[in-house]
Amino acid sequence: MKKILCFLMACAMCLTAAVGLSGCGCDDNKSQKNKPGYKVEPTEPDFTNGEFGFFIINQEELMVTKYTGSDKVVKIPESYKNYKVTVIGPSVFNDSKITEVTIPSSIKQIEDYAFANCHSLTKVNFNEGLEILDNSVFFNCSELREIKLPNSLRQIGVRAFSGASVNNVVLPDNGNLTKIGEFAFYQSRELTDITIPACVTSIPDNAFSECAKEVTIHGGKGTYAQNYAQKNKLKFVAE
């Protein structure tokens, strides 16, 4: 009987300890980080070079997470310390005074609000390689009028150019860009013309809502772009 009681007490103690550990969250972060799709948010940079802070994505790639330079004409580095710079992180230049930025071919993604509220930004020099423009990347860039999107682009996020002043936009005819995000050009200040290739087959009704000027859509006859223009009572020019 004593042996049985001892065994039951030991089991109870083990169970109590297990419950205590599971509730304390001591290993929660480690277990979450090992789960597929878990996103580690960058905080303080892992590296700095005097102008930029970098967060290590993996053994080969870096994300730009901070700009501490004073230059208004900025060139994003392609690499640093044997890493390739592949991402511009969220809000890196938000509300900064930069006037021009060159984005190298190593950059695959620009994350949310990266250049939002840059009211002095007038020129963005893209190189082929960029694939993803996330949400509100150029939101409220009131002086950004000319922009040439790279042919490699395959995603335009929500409010990507909302409130910006781009006036003549040509979407890349690459077969990979199939849709435009919600409110992508909402309240655009200067947008008058946009060329939409046949590969784009999904545009929300609010993509060009409340633009300051009349928007003309250019595209092929019988394409989704033409149907979209007719549905939303926008001028269409067949090309």
Protein backbone atom coordinates (compact mmCIF):
# COMPACT_ATOMS: atom_id res chain seq x y z
CA MET A 1 0.00 0.00 0.00
CA LYS A 2 2.82 2.41 0.82
CA LYS A 3 4.38 1.77 -2.57
CA ILE A 4 1.08 2.51 -4.28
CA LEU A 5 0.59 5.74 -2.30
CA CYS A 6 4.13 6.87 -3.09
CA PHE A 7 3.58 6.15 -6.76
CA LEU A 8 0.31 8.13 -6.81
CA MET A 9 1.93 11.08 -5.01
CA ALA A 10 4.81 11.11 -7.47
CA CYS A 11 2.39 11.11 -10.41
CA ALA A 12 0.46 14.00 -8.87
CA MET A 13 3.66 16.01 -8.37
CA CYS A 14 4.74 15.42 -11.99
CA LEU A 15 1.32 16.45 -13.25
CA THR A 16 1.35 19.65 -11.18
CA ALA A 17 4.81 20.56 -12.44
CA ALA A 18 3.79 19.92 -16.03
CA VAL A 19 0.70 22.14 -15.70
CA GLY A 20 2.77 24.87 -14.09
CA LEU A 21 5.31 24.85 -16.89
CA SER A 22 2.71 24.82 -19.63
CA GLY A 23 1.02 27.84 -18.08
CA CYS A 24 4.12 29.94 -17.45
CA GLY A 25 4.97 30.42 -21.13
CA CYS A 26 8.64 29.76 -20.51
CA ASP A 27 9.03 27.83 -23.76
CA ASP A 28 6.21 29.49 -25.71
CA ASN A 29 8.44 31.71 -27.82
CA LYS A 30 10.84 28.92 -28.73
CA SER A 31 8.04 26.60 -29.76
CA GLN A 32 6.31 29.34 -31.77
CA LYS A 33 9.51 30.28 -33.60
CA ASN A 34 9.89 26.71 -34.79
CA LYS A 35 6.41 26.66 -36.28
CA PRO A 36 6.14 27.13 -40.07
CA GLY A 37 5.03 30.64 -40.99
CA TYR A 38 5.99 32.23 -37.69
CA LYS A 39 7.27 35.73 -38.45
CA VAL A 40 10.01 37.22 -36.27
CA GLU A 41 9.48 40.97 -36.11
CA PRO A 42 12.73 42.95 -36.33
CA THR A 43 13.47 45.17 -33.36
CA GLU A 44 16.99 46.48 -32.91
CA PRO A 45 19.28 45.97 -35.92
CA ASP A 46 21.73 43.10 -35.91
CA PHE A 47 24.18 45.19 -37.97
CA THR A 48 24.66 48.88 -38.62
CA ASN A 49 26.95 50.57 -41.13
CA GLY A 50 26.50 54.19 -40.13
CA GLU A 51 23.55 54.78 -42.47
CA PHE A 52 21.45 51.64 -42.33
CA GLY A 53 20.42 49.11 -39.74
CA PHE A 54 20.04 45.50 -40.89
CA PHE A 55 18.10 42.56 -39.48
CA ILE A 56 19.31 39.03 -40.26
CA ILE A 57 16.59 37.10 -42.09
CA ASN A 58 18.61 33.94 -42.57
CA GLN A 59 22.18 32.84 -43.28
CA GLU A 60 22.22 34.66 -46.61
CA GLU A 61 19.78 37.58 -46.43
CA LEU A 62 19.29 40.88 -44.63
CA MET A 63 16.37 43.24 -44.20
CA VAL A 64 16.88 47.01 -43.99
CA THR A 65 15.17 48.04 -40.75
CA LYS A 66 16.47 51.54 -40.07
CA TYR A 67 17.87 54.59 -41.86
CA THR A 68 20.04 56.89 -39.77
CA GLY A 69 21.82 58.70 -42.60
CA SER A 70 21.39 62.38 -43.45
CA ASP A 71 21.54 62.17 -47.26
CA LYS A 72 18.32 63.04 -49.07
CA VAL A 73 19.36 61.07 -52.15
CA VAL A 74 19.56 57.48 -50.94
CA LYS A 75 20.89 54.30 -52.50
CA ILE A 76 19.92 51.06 -50.79
CA PRO A 77 22.95 48.73 -50.56
CA GLU A 78 22.85 45.40 -52.39
CA SER A 79 24.86 43.58 -49.74
CA TYR A 80 26.57 43.94 -46.38
CA LYS A 81 28.99 41.62 -44.57
CA ASN A 82 28.59 38.83 -47.14
CA TYR A 83 24.81 38.96 -46.84
CA LYS A 84 22.49 39.97 -49.67
CA VAL A 85 20.01 42.75 -48.84
CA THR A 86 16.66 41.45 -50.08
CA VAL A 87 13.96 43.30 -48.11
CA ILE A 88 13.20 46.88 -47.12
CA GLY A 89 11.38 46.54 -43.82
CA PRO A 90 8.23 48.27 -42.57
CA SER A 91 8.24 52.04 -42.00
CA VAL A 92 12.01 52.40 -42.58
CA PHE A 93 11.67 55.77 -44.32
CA ASN A 94 8.19 56.68 -43.09
CA ASP A 95 7.87 60.47 -42.82
CA SER A 96 11.51 61.07 -43.80
CA LYS A 97 12.85 63.99 -45.87
CA ILE A 98 14.48 61.92 -48.64
CA THR A 99 13.98 63.18 -52.19
CA GLU A 100 15.22 60.24 -54.27
CA VAL A 101 15.86 56.55 -53.67
CA THR A 102 17.53 53.87 -55.78
CA ILE A 103 16.45 50.31 -55.10
CA PRO A 104 18.91 47.63 -56.27
CA SER A 105 18.04 44.40 -58.06
CA SER A 106 18.74 42.41 -54.88
CA ILE A 107 15.56 43.78 -53.26
CA LYS A 108 12.66 41.35 -53.67
CA GLN A 109 10.15 42.91 -51.28
CA ILE A 110 9.27 46.32 -49.84
CA GLU A 111 7.17 46.00 -46.71
CA ASP A 112 4.31 48.05 -45.24
CA TYR A 113 4.65 51.85 -45.02
CA ALA A 114 8.33 51.72 -46.01
CA PHE A 115 8.15 55.11 -47.76
CA ALA A 116 4.80 56.38 -46.49
CA ASN A 117 4.38 60.11 -45.90
CA CYS A 118 7.65 60.97 -47.64
CA HIS A 119 6.39 64.34 -48.86
CA SER A 120 9.72 65.32 -50.44
CA LEU A 121 10.16 62.07 -52.37
CA THR A 122 10.01 62.82 -56.11
CA LYS A 123 11.90 59.94 -57.72
CA VAL A 124 12.14 56.17 -57.16
CA ASN A 125 14.65 54.25 -59.28
CA PHE A 126 13.62 50.60 -59.45
CA ASN A 127 15.74 47.80 -60.84
CA GLU A 128 14.49 44.46 -62.09
CA GLY A 129 14.16 42.00 -59.24
CA LEU A 130 11.48 43.58 -57.07
CA GLU A 131 8.50 41.23 -56.73
CA ILE A 132 6.33 42.52 -53.89
CA LEU A 133 5.09 46.00 -52.99
CA ASP A 134 3.29 45.51 -49.70
CA ASN A 135 0.58 47.66 -48.13
CA SER A 136 0.80 51.47 -48.13
CA VAL A 137 4.42 51.47 -49.35
CA PHE A 138 4.09 54.90 -51.02
CA PHE A 139 1.02 56.05 -49.11
CA ASN A 140 0.60 59.84 -49.14
CA CYS A 141 3.83 60.55 -51.06
CA SER A 142 2.43 63.86 -52.23
CA GLU A 143 5.29 64.78 -54.61
CA LEU A 144 5.92 61.38 -56.19
CA ARG A 145 4.77 61.84 -59.77
CA GLU A 146 6.90 59.66 -62.03
CA ILE A 147 7.46 55.99 -61.38
CA LYS A 148 8.49 53.11 -63.63
CA LEU A 149 7.52 49.77 -62.15
CA PRO A 150 9.90 46.87 -62.86
CA ASN A 151 8.81 44.00 -65.06
CA SER A 152 9.54 41.55 -62.22
CA LEU A 153 6.71 42.94 -60.05
CA ARG A 154 3.96 40.44 -59.17
CA GLN A 155 2.12 42.04 -56.24
CA ILE A 156 0.73 45.51 -55.51
CA GLY A 157 -0.64 45.72 -51.99
CA VAL A 158 -3.48 47.57 -50.31
CA ARG A 159 -3.16 51.38 -50.56
CA ALA A 160 0.26 51.01 -52.16
CA PHE A 161 -0.03 54.40 -53.94
CA SER A 162 -3.02 55.84 -52.10
CA GLY A 163 -2.72 59.61 -51.80
CA ALA A 164 0.45 59.70 -53.91
CA SER A 165 0.84 61.93 -56.98
CA VAL A 166 1.86 59.40 -59.63
CA ASN A 167 0.30 60.52 -62.90
CA ASN A 168 1.01 57.97 -65.63
CA VAL A 169 1.39 54.38 -64.49
CA VAL A 170 2.23 51.38 -66.66
CA LEU A 171 1.70 48.02 -64.97
CA PRO A 172 4.17 45.35 -66.11
CA ASP A 173 2.93 42.87 -68.68
CA ASN A 174 4.80 39.92 -67.20
CA GLY A 175 2.07 37.33 -66.71
CA ASN A 176 2.69 37.30 -62.95
CA LEU A 177 0.89 40.46 -61.87
CA THR A 178 -2.72 39.29 -61.81
CA LYS A 179 -4.40 41.63 -59.35
CA ILE A 180 -4.21 45.05 -57.72
CA GLY A 181 -4.77 45.55 -54.00
CA GLU A 182 -7.71 47.31 -52.35
CA PHE A 183 -7.55 51.12 -52.56
CA ALA A 184 -4.22 50.84 -54.45
CA PHE A 185 -4.59 54.28 -56.07
CA TYR A 186 -7.31 55.65 -53.82
CA GLN A 187 -7.40 59.47 -53.65
CA SER A 188 -4.46 59.72 -56.03
CA ARG A 189 -3.70 63.40 -56.50
CA GLU A 190 -2.45 63.40 -60.10
CA LEU A 191 -3.28 60.04 -61.67
CA THR A 192 -4.69 60.51 -65.18
CA ASP A 193 -3.58 57.40 -67.10
CA ILE A 194 -2.88 53.79 -66.20
CA THR A 195 -2.01 50.96 -68.58
CA ILE A 196 -3.35 47.59 -67.43
CA PRO A 197 -2.08 44.46 -69.23
CA ALA A 198 -4.19 41.40 -70.01
CA CYS A 199 -2.55 39.40 -67.21
CA VAL A 200 -4.36 41.55 -64.60
CA THR A 201 -7.73 39.91 -63.97
CA SER A 202 -8.69 41.25 -60.53
CA ILE A 203 -9.10 44.91 -59.56
CA PRO A 204 -11.30 46.02 -56.66
CA ASP A 205 -13.94 48.66 -57.41
CA ASN A 206 -12.26 51.04 -54.95
CA ALA A 207 -8.80 50.91 -56.57
CA PHE A 208 -9.26 54.33 -58.22
CA SER A 209 -11.92 55.81 -55.96
CA GLU A 210 -11.91 59.53 -55.18
CA CYS A 211 -8.99 60.35 -57.47
CA ALA A 212 -8.58 64.10 -57.94
CA LYS A 213 -8.55 63.84 -61.75
CA GLU A 214 -10.34 61.74 -64.34
CA VAL A 215 -8.59 58.39 -64.77
CA THR A 216 -8.20 56.81 -68.21
CA ILE A 217 -7.49 53.09 -68.43
CA HIS A 218 -5.40 51.83 -71.34
CA GLY A 219 -5.53 48.15 -72.32
CA GLY A 220 -6.41 45.55 -74.90
CA LYS A 221 -9.83 45.10 -76.44
CA GLY A 222 -11.95 42.49 -74.72
CA THR A 223 -9.65 42.32 -71.70
CA TYR A 224 -10.58 42.48 -68.03
CA ALA A 225 -9.29 46.07 -68.02
CA GLN A 226 -11.91 47.12 -70.58
CA ASN A 227 -14.72 45.38 -68.70
CA TYR A 228 -13.54 46.96 -65.45
CA ALA A 229 -13.49 50.44 -66.98
CA GLN A 230 -17.02 50.03 -68.34
CA LYS A 231 -18.32 48.66 -65.05
CA ASN A 232 -16.81 51.52 -63.06
CA LYS A 233 -17.62 54.23 -65.64
CA LEU A 234 -13.98 55.07 -66.37
CA LYS A 235 -12.67 56.16 -69.74
CA PHE A 236 -11.02 53.34 -71.71
CA VAL A 237 -8.53 53.57 -74.57
CA ALA A 238 -7.82 50.37 -76.52
CA GLU A 239 -4.18 49.74 -77.40
